[in-house]
């Protein structure tokens, strides 16, 4: 990192403040990258432009009411009870969401959930927690990769053994899965690829990424979960809160990885898409299970 050190020190030398310079000069590459990523003060111009677009799209006095409500909510940071009436705020969030992210519809129920998150203060604490998780990933992932590189060649034999064990177990899983699914429900989800997942989480980089994703989709991070669900629906993915829970508790758990919960959630989504029990049975027959 000799090239980085020279460039970083040259940039730090242009900053006023001896104590601040000393702290910045001591940063390594991942930490400096994190500082650069979060150290910019966002401009409020995009926020104001969005408010003007909301007012223009709705038009008239109604548009101005929506604009004022959004301005009070997100620029002045007033609580929902002071920013406007619930009906006005919900409509404002729906219109603003449609403009800022075309194709990502916000339902009235989701807009009401956003208002509750804002009212309780959880919206901003969730946003801070999510940002912290991502920044921490930028710091830890390069170090984890450096630790993994010299260890990986010696662990390849273990990967082969894990794949062989999981492959032998797969035949039993397939027959059990087919028998269990004939009623359209997966009552006893198997746990395929357990050995392979455990080998994967023996790598520091994989564990670091999984733990970061788990923090973002955790049950108490309602803001990030809501954003993920809206985005998935806009792209035709029938993602549900239960599916996020299944990922969090199952395959993304480095301590005890289990694909079973995610598999059960996937079958539930398939059942809904294919028309219930008969649809699932039809899929099984086409797969010749």
Protein backbone atom coordinates (compact mmCIF):
# COMPACT_ATOMS: atom_id res chain seq x y z
CA UNK A 1 0.00 0.00 0.00
CA UNK A 2 2.99 2.32 -0.49
CA UNK A 3 1.26 4.18 -3.32
CA UNK A 4 -1.84 4.68 -1.21
CA UNK A 5 0.18 5.97 1.74
CA UNK A 6 1.78 8.66 -0.39
CA UNK A 7 -1.49 9.85 -1.92
CA UNK A 8 -3.37 9.72 1.39
CA UNK A 9 -0.70 11.65 3.31
CA UNK A 10 -0.53 14.29 0.57
CA UNK A 11 -4.28 14.78 0.82
CA UNK A 12 -4.28 14.84 4.63
CA UNK A 13 -1.51 17.46 4.69
CA UNK A 14 -3.94 19.92 3.03
CA UNK A 15 -6.35 19.67 5.99
CA UNK A 16 -6.24 22.23 8.78
CA UNK A 17 -6.23 20.99 12.39
CA UNK A 18 -3.30 19.14 13.93
CA UNK A 19 -5.32 16.66 16.03
CA UNK A 20 -7.57 15.74 13.10
CA UNK A 21 -4.60 15.29 10.76
CA UNK A 22 -2.86 12.93 13.19
CA UNK A 23 -5.95 10.70 13.41
CA UNK A 24 -6.47 10.68 9.64
CA UNK A 25 -2.83 9.91 8.88
CA UNK A 26 -3.03 6.79 11.08
CA UNK A 27 -5.89 5.27 9.06
CA UNK A 28 -5.24 2.19 6.96
CA UNK A 29 -6.70 1.71 3.48
CA UNK A 30 -10.11 0.17 4.44
CA UNK A 31 -10.71 2.79 7.13
CA UNK A 32 -9.76 5.64 4.78
CA UNK A 33 -12.15 4.23 2.17
CA UNK A 34 -14.95 4.21 4.74
CA UNK A 35 -14.23 7.85 5.70
CA UNK A 36 -14.32 8.93 2.07
CA UNK A 37 -17.57 7.04 1.55
CA UNK A 38 -19.51 8.61 4.41
CA UNK A 39 -17.77 11.90 4.93
CA UNK A 40 -19.65 13.90 2.32
CA UNK A 41 -22.47 16.21 3.43
CA UNK A 42 -25.44 15.55 1.15
CA UNK A 43 -26.95 18.50 -0.66
CA UNK A 44 -30.55 19.35 0.03
CA UNK A 45 -31.15 20.44 -3.58
CA UNK A 46 -32.31 16.94 -4.73
CA UNK A 47 -34.77 16.90 -1.80
CA UNK A 48 -36.20 20.28 -2.79
CA UNK A 49 -36.38 19.29 -6.46
CA UNK A 50 -38.39 16.19 -5.51
CA UNK A 51 -40.80 18.30 -3.46
CA UNK A 52 -41.34 20.60 -6.46
CA UNK A 53 -41.97 17.57 -8.70
CA UNK A 54 -44.58 16.23 -6.26
CA UNK A 55 -46.37 19.59 -6.22
CA UNK A 56 -46.24 19.84 -10.03
CA UNK A 57 -47.52 16.31 -10.61
CA UNK A 58 -50.53 16.69 -8.30
CA UNK A 59 -51.12 20.35 -9.09
CA UNK A 60 -53.08 23.09 -7.40
CA UNK A 61 -53.64 23.45 -3.69
CA UNK A 62 -53.43 19.66 -3.18
CA UNK A 63 -49.94 19.60 -4.67
CA UNK A 64 -48.79 22.41 -2.41
CA UNK A 65 -50.19 20.59 0.63
CA UNK A 66 -48.24 17.46 -0.29
CA UNK A 67 -45.11 19.51 -0.91
CA UNK A 68 -45.43 21.22 2.46
CA UNK A 69 -45.99 17.92 4.24
CA UNK A 70 -42.87 16.33 2.72
CA UNK A 71 -40.83 19.45 3.45
CA UNK A 72 -41.86 19.37 7.09
CA UNK A 73 -41.26 15.64 7.35
CA UNK A 74 -37.88 15.21 5.66
CA UNK A 75 -36.27 18.67 5.48
CA UNK A 76 -37.45 20.22 8.76
CA UNK A 77 -37.39 16.73 10.38
CA UNK A 78 -40.65 17.34 12.23
CA UNK A 79 -42.57 14.38 13.67
CA UNK A 80 -45.52 13.15 11.55
CA UNK A 81 -48.03 14.56 14.03
CA UNK A 82 -46.70 18.09 13.34
CA UNK A 83 -45.93 17.66 9.63
CA UNK A 84 -49.51 17.15 8.46
CA UNK A 85 -52.60 14.98 8.64
CA UNK A 86 -52.15 11.20 8.17
CA UNK A 87 -54.11 11.18 4.89
CA UNK A 88 -52.00 13.98 3.39
CA UNK A 89 -48.73 12.39 4.54
CA UNK A 90 -49.63 8.95 3.21
CA UNK A 91 -50.55 10.37 -0.21
CA UNK A 92 -47.40 12.51 -0.23
CA UNK A 93 -45.22 9.46 0.45
CA UNK A 94 -46.95 7.49 -2.30
CA UNK A 95 -46.52 10.26 -4.89
CA UNK A 96 -42.96 11.04 -3.81
CA UNK A 97 -41.99 7.37 -3.86
CA UNK A 98 -43.36 6.96 -7.38
CA UNK A 99 -41.33 9.94 -8.62
CA UNK A 100 -38.04 9.17 -6.87
CA UNK A 101 -38.14 5.49 -7.88
CA UNK A 102 -40.34 4.98 -10.94
CA UNK A 103 -41.80 1.50 -10.98
CA UNK A 104 -41.57 1.10 -7.20
CA UNK A 105 -45.16 1.56 -6.04
CA UNK A 106 -45.72 2.36 -2.38
CA UNK A 107 -48.99 1.00 -1.01
CA UNK A 108 -51.03 2.97 1.56
CA UNK A 109 -50.16 0.33 4.16
CA UNK A 110 -46.43 0.75 3.49
CA UNK A 111 -46.71 4.54 3.59
CA UNK A 112 -48.48 4.27 6.96
CA UNK A 113 -45.66 2.00 8.18
CA UNK A 114 -43.09 4.61 7.11
CA UNK A 115 -44.98 7.26 9.08
CA UNK A 116 -44.97 5.06 12.17
CA UNK A 117 -41.21 4.49 11.79
CA UNK A 118 -40.72 8.25 11.50
CA UNK A 119 -43.01 8.95 14.46
CA UNK A 120 -41.09 6.58 16.72
CA UNK A 121 -37.68 7.76 15.49
CA UNK A 122 -36.87 4.23 14.34
CA UNK A 123 -36.55 5.35 10.70
CA UNK A 124 -33.39 7.37 11.38
CA UNK A 125 -31.92 4.88 13.89
CA UNK A 126 -32.45 2.08 11.34
CA UNK A 127 -30.78 4.16 8.63
CA UNK A 128 -27.82 4.85 10.92
CA UNK A 129 -27.54 1.16 11.82
CA UNK A 130 -27.64 0.07 8.18
CA UNK A 131 -25.00 2.63 7.19
CA UNK A 132 -22.82 1.52 10.10
CA UNK A 133 -23.09 -2.11 8.97
CA UNK A 134 -22.03 -1.25 5.41
CA UNK A 135 -19.14 0.94 6.59
CA UNK A 136 -17.98 -1.82 8.91
CA UNK A 137 -18.07 -4.24 5.96
CA UNK A 138 -15.80 -1.96 3.92
CA UNK A 139 -13.34 -2.02 6.81
CA UNK A 140 -13.44 -5.72 7.61
CA UNK A 141 -13.86 -7.39 4.21
CA UNK A 142 -10.40 -6.54 2.78
CA UNK A 143 -8.76 -7.83 5.96
CA UNK A 144 -10.87 -10.99 5.88
CA UNK A 145 -9.86 -11.65 2.27
CA UNK A 146 -6.20 -11.24 3.18
CA UNK A 147 -6.64 -13.83 5.95
CA UNK A 148 -8.49 -16.24 3.67
CA UNK A 149 -6.10 -16.23 0.71
CA UNK A 150 -3.22 -18.22 2.29
CA UNK A 151 -5.65 -20.63 4.04
CA UNK A 152 -7.92 -21.51 1.11
CA UNK A 153 -5.60 -23.90 -0.85
CA UNK A 154 -5.14 -26.06 2.26
CA UNK A 155 -8.92 -26.25 2.78
CA UNK A 156 -9.86 -27.41 -0.73
CA UNK A 157 -9.71 -31.08 0.33
CA UNK A 158 -12.24 -30.29 3.06
CA UNK A 159 -14.53 -28.71 0.45
CA UNK A 160 -14.39 -31.85 -1.65
CA UNK A 161 -15.31 -33.99 1.36
CA UNK A 162 -18.21 -31.65 2.23
CA UNK A 163 -19.57 -31.82 -1.32
CA UNK A 164 -19.36 -35.61 -1.34
CA UNK A 165 -21.24 -35.88 1.97
CA UNK A 166 -23.90 -33.42 0.84
CA UNK A 167 -24.24 -35.18 -2.51
CA UNK A 168 -24.82 -38.52 -0.80
CA UNK A 169 -27.45 -36.94 1.46
CA UNK A 170 -29.18 -35.25 -1.51
CA UNK A 171 -30.74 -38.47 -2.82
CA UNK A 172 -32.56 -38.99 0.46
CA UNK A 173 -33.59 -35.34 0.57
CA UNK A 174 -35.15 -35.49 -2.91
CA UNK A 175 -37.42 -38.42 -2.17
CA UNK A 176 -38.42 -36.99 1.23
CA UNK A 177 -39.10 -33.62 -0.34
CA UNK A 178 -41.28 -35.08 -3.09
CA UNK A 179 -43.35 -37.10 -0.63
CA UNK A 180 -43.78 -34.15 1.71
CA UNK A 181 -44.78 -31.74 -1.08
CA UNK A 182 -47.60 -33.83 -2.53
CA UNK A 183 -50.10 -32.03 -0.27
CA UNK A 184 -48.80 -28.64 -1.40
CA UNK A 185 -47.00 -27.92 1.90
CA UNK A 186 -43.45 -28.50 3.09
CA UNK A 187 -44.03 -29.68 6.65
CA UNK A 188 -40.56 -31.11 7.28
CA UNK A 189 -38.04 -29.10 5.23
CA UNK A 190 -34.72 -30.90 4.73
CA UNK A 191 -31.38 -29.23 5.36
CA UNK A 192 -29.35 -29.68 2.15
CA UNK A 193 -25.74 -28.58 1.66
CA UNK A 194 -25.14 -28.21 5.39
CA UNK A 195 -21.53 -29.42 5.21
CA UNK A 196 -20.76 -27.18 2.23
CA UNK A 197 -22.23 -24.13 3.97
CA UNK A 198 -20.18 -24.83 7.07
CA UNK A 199 -17.04 -25.03 4.92
CA UNK A 200 -18.00 -21.74 3.26
CA UNK A 201 -18.42 -19.99 6.62
CA UNK A 202 -15.01 -21.26 7.60
CA UNK A 203 -13.81 -18.41 5.37
CA UNK A 204 -13.65 -15.06 7.14
CA UNK A 205 -14.87 -13.12 4.10
CA UNK A 206 -18.05 -15.20 3.72
CA UNK A 207 -18.83 -14.87 7.42
CA UNK A 208 -18.28 -11.10 7.31
CA UNK A 209 -20.66 -10.64 4.36
CA UNK A 210 -23.31 -12.93 5.87
CA UNK A 211 -23.22 -11.11 9.22
CA UNK A 212 -23.61 -7.76 7.45
CA UNK A 213 -26.62 -8.94 5.45
CA UNK A 214 -28.16 -10.39 8.63
CA UNK A 215 -27.84 -7.01 10.35
CA UNK A 216 -29.54 -5.29 7.43
CA UNK A 217 -32.49 -7.72 7.21
CA UNK A 218 -32.84 -8.30 10.96
CA UNK A 219 -36.38 -8.15 12.36
CA UNK A 220 -35.67 -4.92 14.24
CA UNK A 221 -34.44 -3.10 11.10
CA UNK A 222 -37.93 -2.42 9.77
CA UNK A 223 -36.87 0.45 7.50
CA UNK A 224 -34.37 -1.59 5.47
CA UNK A 225 -36.75 -4.54 5.31
CA UNK A 226 -39.56 -2.37 3.98
CA UNK A 227 -37.28 -0.89 1.31
CA UNK A 228 -36.13 -4.38 0.24
CA UNK A 229 -39.71 -5.69 0.02
CA UNK A 230 -40.90 -2.74 -2.10
CA UNK A 231 -37.91 -3.05 -4.43
CA UNK A 232 -38.40 -6.80 -4.83
CA UNK A 233 -42.11 -6.44 -5.59
CA UNK A 234 -41.39 -3.82 -8.25
CA UNK A 235 -39.16 -6.38 -10.00
CA UNK A 236 -41.71 -9.18 -9.84
CA UNK A 237 -40.09 -11.03 -6.93
CA UNK A 238 -42.73 -12.24 -4.43
CA UNK A 239 -40.54 -11.54 -1.41
CA UNK A 240 -42.24 -11.54 2.00
CA UNK A 241 -41.14 -10.63 5.55
CA UNK A 242 -41.29 -14.36 6.35
CA UNK A 243 -38.81 -15.06 3.55
CA UNK A 244 -36.39 -12.47 4.97
CA UNK A 245 -36.72 -14.13 8.37
CA UNK A 246 -36.00 -17.52 6.78
CA UNK A 247 -32.82 -16.19 5.16
CA UNK A 248 -31.74 -14.52 8.40
CA UNK A 249 -32.30 -17.60 10.55
CA UNK A 250 -31.24 -20.24 8.03
CA UNK A 251 -28.55 -20.05 5.32
CA UNK A 252 -27.14 -16.67 6.47
CA UNK A 253 -26.47 -17.91 10.01
CA UNK A 254 -22.72 -18.68 10.06
CA UNK A 255 -22.97 -20.48 13.42
CA UNK A 256 -25.64 -22.97 12.28
CA UNK A 257 -26.38 -22.63 8.54
CA UNK A 258 -29.60 -24.29 7.42
CA UNK A 259 -31.21 -24.06 3.97
CA UNK A 260 -34.41 -25.66 5.27
CA UNK A 261 -36.27 -22.46 6.29
CA UNK A 262 -35.40 -20.74 3.00
CA UNK A 263 -36.51 -23.84 1.07
CA UNK A 264 -39.84 -23.86 2.91
CA UNK A 265 -40.36 -20.16 2.16
CA UNK A 266 -39.58 -20.77 -1.52
CA UNK A 267 -42.12 -23.60 -1.70
CA UNK A 268 -44.73 -21.36 -0.11
CA UNK A 269 -44.09 -18.69 -2.77
CA UNK A 270 -44.23 -21.33 -5.51
CA UNK A 271 -47.54 -22.61 -4.16
CA UNK A 272 -48.99 -19.10 -4.27
CA UNK A 273 -47.76 -18.54 -7.83
CA UNK A 274 -48.78 -21.93 -9.23
CA UNK A 275 -52.29 -22.10 -7.84
CA UNK A 276 -52.03 -24.00 -4.60
CA UNK A 277 -51.67 -27.73 -4.11
CA UNK A 278 -52.42 -28.81 -7.67
CA UNK A 279 -49.91 -26.35 -9.05
CA UNK A 280 -47.11 -27.72 -6.87
CA UNK A 281 -48.01 -31.31 -7.73
CA UNK A 282 -47.88 -30.35 -11.40
CA UNK A 283 -44.42 -28.85 -10.99
CA UNK A 284 -43.22 -32.02 -9.23
CA UNK A 285 -44.50 -34.17 -12.06
CA UNK A 286 -42.79 -32.03 -14.68
CA UNK A 287 -39.57 -32.33 -12.65
CA UNK A 288 -40.20 -36.13 -12.48
CA UNK A 289 -39.51 -36.29 -8.79
